[in-house]
C-alpha atoms as a PDB file:
ATOM      1  CA  MET A   1      30.937 -45.965  11.363  1.00  0.00           C
ATOM      2  CA  SER A   2      34.519 -44.744  10.982  1.00  0.00           C
ATOM      3  CA  VAL A   3      35.797 -41.316  11.886  1.00  0.00           C
ATOM      4  CA  THR A   4      36.429 -40.591   8.235  1.00  0.00           C
ATOM      5  CA  THR A   5      32.801 -41.355   7.342  1.00  0.00           C
ATOM      6  CA  VAL A   6      31.454 -39.134  10.145  1.00  0.00           C
ATOM      7  CA  ALA A   7      33.702 -36.261   9.091  1.00  0.00           C
ATOM      8  CA  ALA A   8      32.464 -36.569   5.532  1.00  0.00           C
ATOM      9  CA  LEU A   9      28.784 -36.339   6.469  1.00  0.00           C
ATOM     10  CA  PRO A  10      28.614 -32.526   6.843  1.00  0.00           C
ATOM     11  CA  GLN A  11      30.221 -32.140   3.429  1.00  0.00           C
ATOM     12  CA  GLN A  12      27.703 -34.502   1.864  1.00  0.00           C
ATOM     13  CA  VAL A  13      24.786 -32.710   3.509  1.00  0.00           C
ATOM     14  CA  SER A  14      26.029 -29.276   2.484  1.00  0.00           C
ATOM     15  CA  ARG A  15      26.431 -30.508  -1.084  1.00  0.00           C
ATOM     16  CA  PHE A  16      22.654 -30.942  -1.395  1.00  0.00           C
ATOM     17  CA  ARG A  17      21.771 -27.690   0.406  1.00  0.00           C
ATOM     18  CA  LEU A  18      19.441 -25.505  -1.684  1.00  0.00           C
ATOM     19  CA  PRO A  19      20.816 -22.102  -2.754  1.00  0.00           C
ATOM     20  CA  LEU A  20      18.176 -20.107  -0.875  1.00  0.00           C
ATOM     21  CA  PRO A  21      18.063 -16.314  -1.091  1.00  0.00           C
ATOM     22  CA  ALA A  22      19.805 -14.443   1.698  1.00  0.00           C
ATOM     23  CA  PHE A  23      16.593 -12.989   3.152  1.00  0.00           C
ATOM     24  CA  LEU A  24      15.013 -16.462   3.312  1.00  0.00           C
ATOM     25  CA  ARG A  25      18.049 -17.843   5.101  1.00  0.00           C
ATOM     26  CA  ARG A  26      17.537 -15.087   7.663  1.00  0.00           C
ATOM     27  CA  HIS A  27      14.015 -16.470   8.258  1.00  0.00           C
ATOM     28  CA  ASN A  28      12.243 -13.431   6.854  1.00  0.00           C
ATOM     29  CA  ILE A  29       8.927 -15.232   6.817  1.00  0.00           C
ATOM     30  CA  SER A  30       6.935 -11.983   6.945  1.00  0.00           C
ATOM     31  CA  LEU A  31       8.212 -10.936   3.532  1.00  0.00           C
ATOM     32  CA  TRP A  32       7.290 -14.238   1.922  1.00  0.00           C
ATOM     33  CA  VAL A  33       3.843 -14.510   3.515  1.00  0.00           C
ATOM     34  CA  GLY A  34       3.102 -10.887   2.643  1.00  0.00           C
ATOM     35  CA  CYS A  35       4.202 -11.442  -0.960  1.00  0.00           C
ATOM     36  CA  VAL A  36       1.969 -14.507  -1.236  1.00  0.00           C
ATOM     37  CA  ILE A  37      -1.108 -12.750   0.196  1.00  0.00           C
ATOM     38  CA  VAL A  38      -0.709  -9.460  -1.662  1.00  0.00           C
ATOM     39  CA  GLY A  39       0.464 -11.166  -4.840  1.00  0.00           C
ATOM     40  CA  GLY A  40      -2.537 -13.492  -4.763  1.00  0.00           C
ATOM     41  CA  ILE A  41      -4.978 -10.613  -4.355  1.00  0.00           C
ATOM     42  CA  VAL A  42      -3.292  -8.585  -7.102  1.00  0.00           C
ATOM     43  CA  LEU A  43      -3.302 -11.554  -9.478  1.00  0.00           C
ATOM     44  CA  ALA A  44      -6.952 -12.244  -8.666  1.00  0.00           C
ATOM     45  CA  GLY A  45      -7.829  -8.668  -9.546  1.00  0.00           C
ATOM     46  CA  ILE A  46      -5.832  -8.772 -12.780  1.00  0.00           C
ATOM     47  CA  ALA A  47      -7.248 -12.137 -13.800  1.00  0.00           C
ATOM     48  CA  ALA A  48     -10.816 -11.245 -12.804  1.00  0.00           C
ATOM     49  CA  PRO A  49     -12.258 -11.900 -16.304  1.00  0.00           C
ATOM     50  CA  LEU A  50     -10.762 -15.413 -16.152  1.00  0.00           C
ATOM     51  CA  LEU A  51     -11.979 -16.150 -12.625  1.00  0.00           C
ATOM     52  CA  THR A  52     -15.610 -15.172 -13.148  1.00  0.00           C
ATOM     53  CA  PRO A  53     -17.889 -15.084 -16.190  1.00  0.00           C
ATOM     54  CA  HIS A  54     -20.171 -12.455 -14.658  1.00  0.00           C
ATOM     55  CA  ASP A  55     -20.219  -8.732 -15.298  1.00  0.00           C
ATOM     56  CA  PRO A  56     -19.811  -6.973 -11.911  1.00  0.00           C
ATOM     57  CA  THR A  57     -22.262  -4.228 -12.912  1.00  0.00           C
ATOM     58  CA  ALA A  58     -24.903  -6.411 -14.608  1.00  0.00           C
ATOM     59  CA  GLN A  59     -28.197  -6.345 -12.699  1.00  0.00           C
ATOM     60  CA  SER A  60     -30.884  -9.037 -12.602  1.00  0.00           C
ATOM     61  CA  LEU A  61     -33.635  -8.457 -10.064  1.00  0.00           C
ATOM     62  CA  MET A  62     -34.896 -11.985 -10.693  1.00  0.00           C
ATOM     63  CA  ASP A  63     -31.645 -13.294  -9.203  1.00  0.00           C
ATOM     64  CA  ALA A  64     -31.519 -10.945  -6.184  1.00  0.00           C
ATOM     65  CA  TRP A  65     -30.102 -12.547  -3.038  1.00  0.00           C
ATOM     66  CA  ALA A  66     -29.376 -15.819  -4.816  1.00  0.00           C
ATOM     67  CA  PRO A  67     -27.516 -18.176  -2.451  1.00  0.00           C
ATOM     68  CA  ALA A  68     -23.991 -19.368  -3.070  1.00  0.00           C
ATOM     69  CA  GLY A  69     -23.819 -21.879  -5.878  1.00  0.00           C
ATOM     70  CA  ASN A  70     -25.946 -22.178  -9.018  1.00  0.00           C
ATOM     71  CA  GLY A  71     -23.387 -20.235 -11.032  1.00  0.00           C
ATOM     72  CA  HIS A  72     -22.727 -17.647  -8.310  1.00  0.00           C
ATOM     73  CA  LEU A  73     -19.776 -18.601  -6.110  1.00  0.00           C
ATOM     74  CA  LEU A  74     -20.702 -16.253  -3.244  1.00  0.00           C
ATOM     75  CA  GLY A  75     -24.282 -15.485  -4.228  1.00  0.00           C
ATOM     76  CA  THR A  76     -25.730 -12.181  -5.433  1.00  0.00           C
ATOM     77  CA  ASP A  77     -26.644  -8.845  -3.881  1.00  0.00           C
ATOM     78  CA  GLN A  78     -29.933  -6.966  -3.699  1.00  0.00           C
ATOM     79  CA  LEU A  79     -29.726  -6.086  -7.403  1.00  0.00           C
ATOM     80  CA  GLY A  80     -28.756  -9.543  -8.568  1.00  0.00           C
ATOM     81  CA  ARG A  81     -25.100  -8.648  -9.146  1.00  0.00           C
ATOM     82  CA  ASP A  82     -22.562 -11.407  -8.577  1.00  0.00           C
ATOM     83  CA  ILE A  83     -20.721 -10.778  -5.277  1.00  0.00           C
ATOM     84  CA  TRP A  84     -17.613 -12.726  -6.282  1.00  0.00           C
ATOM     85  CA  ALA A  85     -17.279 -10.690  -9.475  1.00  0.00           C
ATOM     86  CA  ARG A  86     -17.678  -7.431  -7.571  1.00  0.00           C
ATOM     87  CA  LEU A  87     -15.033  -8.516  -5.055  1.00  0.00           C
ATOM     88  CA  LEU A  88     -12.529  -9.291  -7.806  1.00  0.00           C
ATOM     89  CA  TYR A  89     -13.131  -6.141  -9.806  1.00  0.00           C
ATOM     90  CA  GLY A  90     -13.271  -4.159  -6.565  1.00  0.00           C
ATOM     91  CA  ALA A  91      -9.738  -5.350  -5.832  1.00  0.00           C
ATOM     92  CA  ARG A  92      -8.688  -3.766  -9.107  1.00  0.00           C
ATOM     93  CA  THR A  93     -10.275  -0.460  -8.157  1.00  0.00           C
ATOM     94  CA  ASN A  94      -9.083  -0.239  -4.565  1.00  0.00           C
ATOM     95  CA  LEU A  95      -5.546  -1.539  -5.020  1.00  0.00           C
ATOM     96  CA  ALA A  96      -4.905   0.493  -8.166  1.00  0.00           C
ATOM     97  CA  ILE A  97      -5.962   3.793  -6.592  1.00  0.00           C
ATOM     98  CA  ALA A  98      -4.216   2.998  -3.287  1.00  0.00           C
ATOM     99  CA  ALA A  99      -0.923   2.113  -5.005  1.00  0.00           C
ATOM    100  CA  ILE A 100      -0.968   5.011  -7.460  1.00  0.00           C
ATOM    101  CA  ALA A 101      -1.835   7.447  -4.672  1.00  0.00           C
ATOM    102  CA  VAL A 102       1.452   6.533  -2.953  1.00  0.00           C
ATOM    103  CA  VAL A 103       3.678   7.460  -5.897  1.00  0.00           C
ATOM    104  CA  VAL A 104       3.226  11.248  -5.944  1.00  0.00           C
ATOM    105  CA  PRO A 105       3.405  11.734  -2.131  1.00  0.00           C
ATOM    106  CA  PHE A 106       6.492   9.503  -2.041  1.00  0.00           C
ATOM    107  CA  LEU A 107       8.314  11.416  -4.784  1.00  0.00           C
ATOM    108  CA  LEU A 108       7.257  14.860  -3.577  1.00  0.00           C
ATOM    109  CA  GLY A 109       7.802  14.197   0.125  1.00  0.00           C
ATOM    110  CA  THR A 110      11.143  12.468  -0.382  1.00  0.00           C
ATOM    111  CA  LEU A 111      12.478  15.295  -2.551  1.00  0.00           C
ATOM    112  CA  LEU A 112      11.270  18.072  -0.247  1.00  0.00           C
ATOM    113  CA  GLY A 113      12.553  16.239   2.828  1.00  0.00           C
ATOM    114  CA  ALA A 114      15.992  15.769   1.299  1.00  0.00           C
ATOM    115  CA  ILE A 115      16.169  19.434   0.279  1.00  0.00           C
ATOM    116  CA  ALA A 116      15.014  20.643   3.690  1.00  0.00           C
ATOM    117  CA  GLY A 117      17.438  18.440   5.603  1.00  0.00           C
ATOM    118  CA  TYR A 118      20.391  19.093   3.322  1.00  0.00           C
ATOM    119  CA  PHE A 119      20.222  22.870   3.000  1.00  0.00           C
ATOM    120  CA  GLY A 120      18.618  23.744   6.360  1.00  0.00           C
ATOM    121  CA  GLY A 121      18.093  27.407   7.192  1.00  0.00           C
ATOM    122  CA  TRP A 122      15.138  29.253   5.723  1.00  0.00           C
ATOM    123  CA  ILE A 123      14.528  26.514   3.139  1.00  0.00           C
ATOM    124  CA  ASP A 124      14.084  23.950   5.886  1.00  0.00           C
ATOM    125  CA  ALA A 125      11.911  26.326   7.902  1.00  0.00           C
ATOM    126  CA  ALA A 126       9.644  27.143   4.938  1.00  0.00           C
ATOM    127  CA  ILE A 127       9.089  23.519   3.926  1.00  0.00           C
ATOM    128  CA  MET A 128       8.475  22.322   7.467  1.00  0.00           C
ATOM    129  CA  ARG A 129       6.058  25.158   8.238  1.00  0.00           C
ATOM    130  CA  ILE A 130       3.986  24.129   5.211  1.00  0.00           C
ATOM    131  CA  ALA A 131       4.068  20.560   6.519  1.00  0.00           C
ATOM    132  CA  ASP A 132       2.951  21.762   9.944  1.00  0.00           C
ATOM    133  CA  VAL A 133      -0.028  23.545   8.396  1.00  0.00           C
ATOM    134  CA  VAL A 134      -1.110  20.348   6.632  1.00  0.00           C
ATOM    135  CA  VAL A 135      -0.819  18.135   9.727  1.00  0.00           C
ATOM    136  CA  ALA A 136      -2.630  20.724  11.852  1.00  0.00           C
ATOM    137  CA  PHE A 137      -5.887  19.308  10.493  1.00  0.00           C
ATOM    138  CA  PRO A 138      -7.063  15.749  11.249  1.00  0.00           C
ATOM    139  CA  PHE A 139      -6.140  13.455   8.383  1.00  0.00           C
ATOM    140  CA  TYR A 140      -9.577  12.059   7.569  1.00  0.00           C
ATOM    141  CA  VAL A 141     -11.311  15.401   8.052  1.00  0.00           C
ATOM    142  CA  LEU A 142      -8.975  17.045   5.557  1.00  0.00           C
ATOM    143  CA  ILE A 143      -9.346  14.190   3.058  1.00  0.00           C
ATOM    144  CA  ILE A 144     -13.149  14.273   3.301  1.00  0.00           C
ATOM    145  CA  ALA A 145     -13.178  18.058   2.906  1.00  0.00           C
ATOM    146  CA  LEU A 146     -10.980  17.922  -0.179  1.00  0.00           C
ATOM    147  CA  VAL A 147     -13.013  15.153  -1.797  1.00  0.00           C
ATOM    148  CA  PHE A 148     -16.221  17.044  -0.998  1.00  0.00           C
ATOM    149  CA  VAL A 149     -14.833  20.116  -2.783  1.00  0.00           C
ATOM    150  CA  LEU A 150     -13.282  18.222  -5.721  1.00  0.00           C
ATOM    151  CA  GLY A 151     -16.180  15.788  -6.184  1.00  0.00           C
ATOM    152  CA  ASN A 152     -16.471  12.015  -6.175  1.00  0.00           C
ATOM    153  CA  GLY A 153     -14.322   9.707  -8.225  1.00  0.00           C
ATOM    154  CA  PRO A 154     -10.810   8.213  -8.397  1.00  0.00           C
ATOM    155  CA  THR A 155      -9.188  11.462  -9.549  1.00  0.00           C
ATOM    156  CA  SER A 156     -10.494  13.417  -6.574  1.00  0.00           C
ATOM    157  CA  ILE A 157      -9.342  10.719  -4.140  1.00  0.00           C
ATOM    158  CA  PHE A 158      -5.910  10.626  -5.768  1.00  0.00           C
ATOM    159  CA  VAL A 159      -5.505  14.409  -5.583  1.00  0.00           C
ATOM    160  CA  ALA A 160      -6.766  14.614  -1.991  1.00  0.00           C
ATOM    161  CA  ILE A 161      -4.424  11.876  -0.764  1.00  0.00           C
ATOM    162  CA  SER A 162      -1.472  13.393  -2.629  1.00  0.00           C
ATOM    163  CA  LEU A 163      -2.038  16.819  -1.068  1.00  0.00           C
ATOM    164  CA  VAL A 164      -2.009  15.371   2.445  1.00  0.00           C
ATOM    165  CA  SER A 165       0.195  12.261   2.529  1.00  0.00           C
ATOM    166  CA  TRP A 166       3.473  13.816   1.327  1.00  0.00           C
ATOM    167  CA  VAL A 167       4.127  15.272   4.806  1.00  0.00           C
ATOM    168  CA  ALA A 168       5.010  11.919   6.393  1.00  0.00           C
ATOM    169  CA  TYR A 169       7.570  11.127   3.687  1.00  0.00           C
ATOM    170  CA  CYS A 170       9.024  14.613   3.978  1.00  0.00           C
ATOM    171  CA  ARG A 171       9.568  14.329   7.730  1.00  0.00           C
ATOM    172  CA  ILE A 172      11.055  10.835   7.494  1.00  0.00           C
ATOM    173  CA  VAL A 173      13.581  11.751   4.789  1.00  0.00           C
ATOM    174  CA  ARG A 174      14.420  15.094   6.405  1.00  0.00           C
ATOM    175  CA  ALA A 175      15.340  13.370   9.669  1.00  0.00           C
ATOM    176  CA  GLU A 176      17.563  10.900   7.820  1.00  0.00           C
ATOM    177  CA  THR A 177      19.179  13.677   5.762  1.00  0.00           C
ATOM    178  CA  VAL A 178      20.006  15.817   8.796  1.00  0.00           C
ATOM    179  CA  ILE A 179      22.049  12.905  10.169  1.00  0.00           C
ATOM    180  CA  LEU A 180      23.544  11.941   6.805  1.00  0.00           C
ATOM    181  CA  LYS A 181      24.791  15.384   5.746  1.00  0.00           C
ATOM    182  CA  ASP A 182      27.358  15.396   8.566  1.00  0.00           C
ATOM    183  CA  ARG A 183      28.966  12.148   7.414  1.00  0.00           C
ATOM    184  CA  ASP A 184      32.507  12.172   6.112  1.00  0.00           C
ATOM    185  CA  PHE A 185      31.653  11.023   2.591  1.00  0.00           C
ATOM    186  CA  ILE A 186      29.275  13.974   2.129  1.00  0.00           C
ATOM    187  CA  ALA A 187      32.042  16.331   3.259  1.00  0.00           C
ATOM    188  CA  ALA A 188      34.388  14.610   0.797  1.00  0.00           C
ATOM    189  CA  CYS A 189      31.849  15.109  -1.999  1.00  0.00           C
ATOM    190  CA  LYS A 190      31.624  18.820  -1.222  1.00  0.00           C
ATOM    191  CA  ALA A 191      35.407  19.135  -1.014  1.00  0.00           C
ATOM    192  CA  SER A 192      35.799  17.465  -4.409  1.00  0.00           C
ATOM    193  CA  GLY A 193      33.633  20.122  -6.003  1.00  0.00           C
ATOM    194  CA  LEU A 194      30.458  18.152  -6.663  1.00  0.00           C
ATOM    195  CA  SER A 195      27.351  20.279  -7.070  1.00  0.00           C
ATOM    196  CA  HIS A 196      24.548  20.193  -4.508  1.00  0.00           C
ATOM    197  CA  LYS A 197      22.228  18.703  -7.112  1.00  0.00           C
ATOM    198  CA  ARG A 198      24.607  15.823  -7.816  1.00  0.00           C
ATOM    199  CA  ILE A 199      25.174  15.163  -4.121  1.00  0.00           C
ATOM    200  CA  LEU A 200      21.430  15.076  -3.474  1.00  0.00           C
ATOM    201  CA  ILE A 201      20.635  12.770  -6.377  1.00  0.00           C
ATOM    202  CA  ARG A 202      23.620  10.437  -6.220  1.00  0.00           C
ATOM    203  CA  HIS A 203      24.348  10.260  -2.500  1.00  0.00           C
ATOM    204  CA  VAL A 204      21.636  11.700  -0.264  1.00  0.00           C
ATOM    205  CA  LEU A 205      18.447  10.321  -1.795  1.00  0.00           C
ATOM    206  CA  PRO A 206      19.680   6.711  -2.258  1.00  0.00           C
ATOM    207  CA  ASN A 207      20.800   6.619   1.376  1.00  0.00           C
ATOM    208  CA  THR A 208      17.721   8.233   2.920  1.00  0.00           C
ATOM    209  CA  ALA A 209      14.825   6.832   0.867  1.00  0.00           C
ATOM    210  CA  THR A 210      14.912   3.411   2.569  1.00  0.00           C
ATOM    211  CA  GLN A 211      12.653   4.417   5.444  1.00  0.00           C
ATOM    212  CA  ALA A 212      10.291   6.165   3.037  1.00  0.00           C
ATOM    213  CA  ILE A 213      10.010   3.010   0.919  1.00  0.00           C
ATOM    214  CA  VAL A 214       9.159   0.932   3.965  1.00  0.00           C
ATOM    215  CA  TYR A 215       6.615   3.513   5.106  1.00  0.00           C
ATOM    216  CA  GLY A 216       5.061   3.390   1.646  1.00  0.00           C
ATOM    217  CA  MET A 217       3.791  -0.124   2.311  1.00  0.00           C
ATOM    218  CA  SER A 218       1.879   0.991   5.401  1.00  0.00           C
ATOM    219  CA  ASP A 219       0.723   4.047   3.469  1.00  0.00           C
ATOM    220  CA  ILE A 220      -0.961   1.787   0.922  1.00  0.00           C
ATOM    221  CA  VAL A 221      -2.868   0.189   3.798  1.00  0.00           C
ATOM    222  CA  MET A 222      -3.940   3.641   4.959  1.00  0.00           C
ATOM    223  CA  ASN A 223      -4.986   4.588   1.432  1.00  0.00           C
ATOM    224  CA  ILE A 224      -7.157   1.485   1.172  1.00  0.00           C
ATOM    225  CA  GLY A 225      -8.799   2.488   4.446  1.00  0.00           C
ATOM    226  CA  VAL A 226      -9.358   6.001   3.080  1.00  0.00           C
ATOM    227  CA  ILE A 227     -10.895   4.727  -0.160  1.00  0.00           C
ATOM    228  CA  VAL A 228     -13.159   2.240   1.596  1.00  0.00           C
ATOM    229  CA  THR A 229     -14.207   4.839   4.191  1.00  0.00           C
ATOM    230  CA  LEU A 230     -15.020   7.462   1.556  1.00  0.00           C
ATOM    231  CA  SER A 231     -17.014   4.969  -0.500  1.00  0.00           C
ATOM    232  CA  TYR A 232     -18.822   3.787   2.618  1.00  0.00           C
ATOM    233  CA  PHE A 233     -19.993   7.359   3.247  1.00  0.00           C
ATOM    234  CA  GLY A 234     -20.876   7.900  -0.406  1.00  0.00           C
ATOM    235  CA  LEU A 235     -17.920  10.194  -1.174  1.00  0.00           C
ATOM    236  CA  GLY A 236     -15.628   7.778  -2.965  1.00  0.00           C
ATOM    237  CA  ILE A 237     -15.944   5.653  -6.076  1.00  0.00           C
ATOM    238  CA  VAL A 238     -19.024   6.475  -8.105  1.00  0.00           C
ATOM    239  CA  PRO A 239     -21.471   3.548  -8.516  1.00  0.00           C
ATOM    240  CA  PRO A 240     -21.876   1.187 -10.279  1.00  0.00           C
ATOM    241  CA  THR A 241     -18.067   0.792 -10.341  1.00  0.00           C
ATOM    242  CA  PRO A 242     -17.324  -2.134  -8.002  1.00  0.00           C
ATOM    243  CA  ASP A 243     -15.711  -1.025  -4.752  1.00  0.00           C
ATOM    244  CA  TRP A 244     -15.385  -2.740  -1.378  1.00  0.00           C
ATOM    245  CA  GLY A 245     -16.546   0.298   0.582  1.00  0.00           C
ATOM    246  CA  GLN A 246     -19.599   0.747  -1.617  1.00  0.00           C
ATOM    247  CA  MET A 247     -20.455  -2.932  -1.177  1.00  0.00           C
ATOM    248  CA  MET A 248     -20.403  -2.512   2.612  1.00  0.00           C
ATOM    249  CA  ASN A 249     -22.486   0.636   2.314  1.00  0.00           C
ATOM    250  CA  ASP A 250     -25.070  -1.225   0.233  1.00  0.00           C
ATOM    251  CA  GLY A 251     -25.158  -4.151   2.633  1.00  0.00           C
ATOM    252  CA  GLN A 252     -25.559  -2.329   5.944  1.00  0.00           C
ATOM    253  CA  GLN A 253     -29.283  -1.786   5.427  1.00  0.00           C
ATOM    254  CA  PHE A 254     -29.879  -5.525   4.997  1.00  0.00           C
ATOM    255  CA  ILE A 255     -28.139  -6.720   8.162  1.00  0.00           C
ATOM    256  CA  ILE A 256     -31.390  -6.764  10.130  1.00  0.00           C
ATOM    257  CA  ALA A 257     -32.884  -9.013   7.451  1.00  0.00           C
ATOM    258  CA  GLY A 258     -30.035 -11.469   7.997  1.00  0.00           C
ATOM    259  CA  GLN A 259     -28.139 -10.738   4.777  1.00  0.00           C
ATOM    260  CA  TYR A 260     -24.524 -10.489   5.931  1.00  0.00           C
ATOM    261  CA  SER A 261     -22.748 -11.320   2.679  1.00  0.00           C
ATOM    262  CA  LEU A 262     -22.342  -7.744   1.428  1.00  0.00           C
ATOM    263  CA  ILE A 263     -20.719  -6.740   4.721  1.00  0.00           C
ATOM    264  CA  LEU A 264     -18.783  -9.917   5.452  1.00  0.00           C
ATOM    265  CA  TYR A 265     -16.967 -10.599   2.175  1.00  0.00           C
ATOM    266  CA  PRO A 266     -15.616  -7.100   1.437  1.00  0.00           C
ATOM    267  CA  SER A 267     -14.625  -6.747   5.101  1.00  0.00           C
ATOM    268  CA  ILE A 268     -12.603  -9.953   4.863  1.00  0.00           C
ATOM    269  CA  ALA A 269     -11.014  -8.661   1.650  1.00  0.00           C
ATOM    270  CA  VAL A 270      -9.988  -5.380   3.323  1.00  0.00           C
ATOM    271  CA  VAL A 271      -8.597  -7.107   6.424  1.00  0.00           C
ATOM    272  CA  LEU A 272      -6.723  -9.731   4.393  1.00  0.00           C
ATOM    273  CA  THR A 273      -5.214  -7.111   2.070  1.00  0.00           C
ATOM    274  CA  SER A 274      -4.174  -4.894   4.965  1.00  0.00           C
ATOM    275  CA  PHE A 275      -2.679  -7.871   6.796  1.00  0.00           C
ATOM    276  CA  GLY A 276      -0.702  -8.916   3.733  1.00  0.00           C
ATOM    277  CA  LEU A 277       0.613  -5.389   3.143  1.00  0.00           C
ATOM    278  CA  ALA A 278       1.565  -5.079   6.815  1.00  0.00           C
ATOM    279  CA  LEU A 279       3.563  -8.320   6.639  1.00  0.00           C
ATOM    280  CA  LEU A 280       5.141  -7.216   3.386  1.00  0.00           C
ATOM    281  CA  GLY A 281       6.173  -3.895   4.901  1.00  0.00           C
ATOM    282  CA  ASP A 282       7.597  -5.598   7.981  1.00  0.00           C
ATOM    283  CA  GLY A 283       9.577  -8.060   5.889  1.00  0.00           C
ATOM    284  CA  LEU A 284      10.813  -5.311   3.614  1.00  0.00           C
ATOM    285  CA  ALA A 285      11.933  -3.285   6.633  1.00  0.00           C
ATOM    286  CA  ARG A 286      13.971  -6.238   7.913  1.00  0.00           C
ATOM    287  CA  THR A 287      15.531  -6.845   4.516  1.00  0.00           C
ATOM    288  CA  LEU A 288      16.509  -3.230   3.922  1.00  0.00           C
ATOM    289  CA  LYS A 289      17.794  -2.888   7.459  1.00  0.00           C
ATOM    290  CA  VAL A 290      20.152  -5.830   6.939  1.00  0.00           C
ATOM    291  CA  ARG A 291      21.394  -4.451   3.650  1.00  0.00           C
ATOM    292  CA  ARG A 292      21.977  -0.955   5.016  1.00  0.00           C
END
């Protein structure tokens, strides 16, 4: 093989190199695996009517504890309801509430944190003292107390989570804003006569919300845990709406009899979803950190 041929090899190889995205070239496997896991669960929940012919709330005592197969992929529960159908529709319930319950705390906490860090003084002190009052109570105790007062159901869970979870976003964005407001470009914005509102919206929030976005992924995991825990204790989703926590609550009394399906399958769903969201958050953190 001549020297000319050897020198041409790298050019020939690079000619057939796939135009991969930048984050994939940086070996951000966590982001891709997390997207596959979470995306698969979300799609399964959305396409639930196509993946199972059974109604998740339809009862048939004649088919109670039917084994896997015979038209029931994972069998049935004590009331003859299809477990696979309840898992799929339960994904809709849990993921929808968990994701929606992140939006209001994210928006409220990010805005308050930016205001507190940017203005400082008594505004900062007032906002942070309110945050200190909220975090003075244990998270789950406060959530359970609020849901107990507001009543069961998705709305009560959403309101309870929103009233508590905004504090973490507020503290994260405030810490970023305190550092950012001393940068030269913020001083230049003030010197050019830009209003505080414009500086906050156009310059502070876009540069400080990155950490809050990354935290939002782990917050969804926490919200799923809250929803499942509340339903497990009978304070969450009202039956017969399919819910993973309610399925585990129904199945715990049948463990002694050797019926593990109602505990096993929703537990796997919770662990798999949490694992996927954790990988997605880790991959997103790496991607945003590189772009910053």
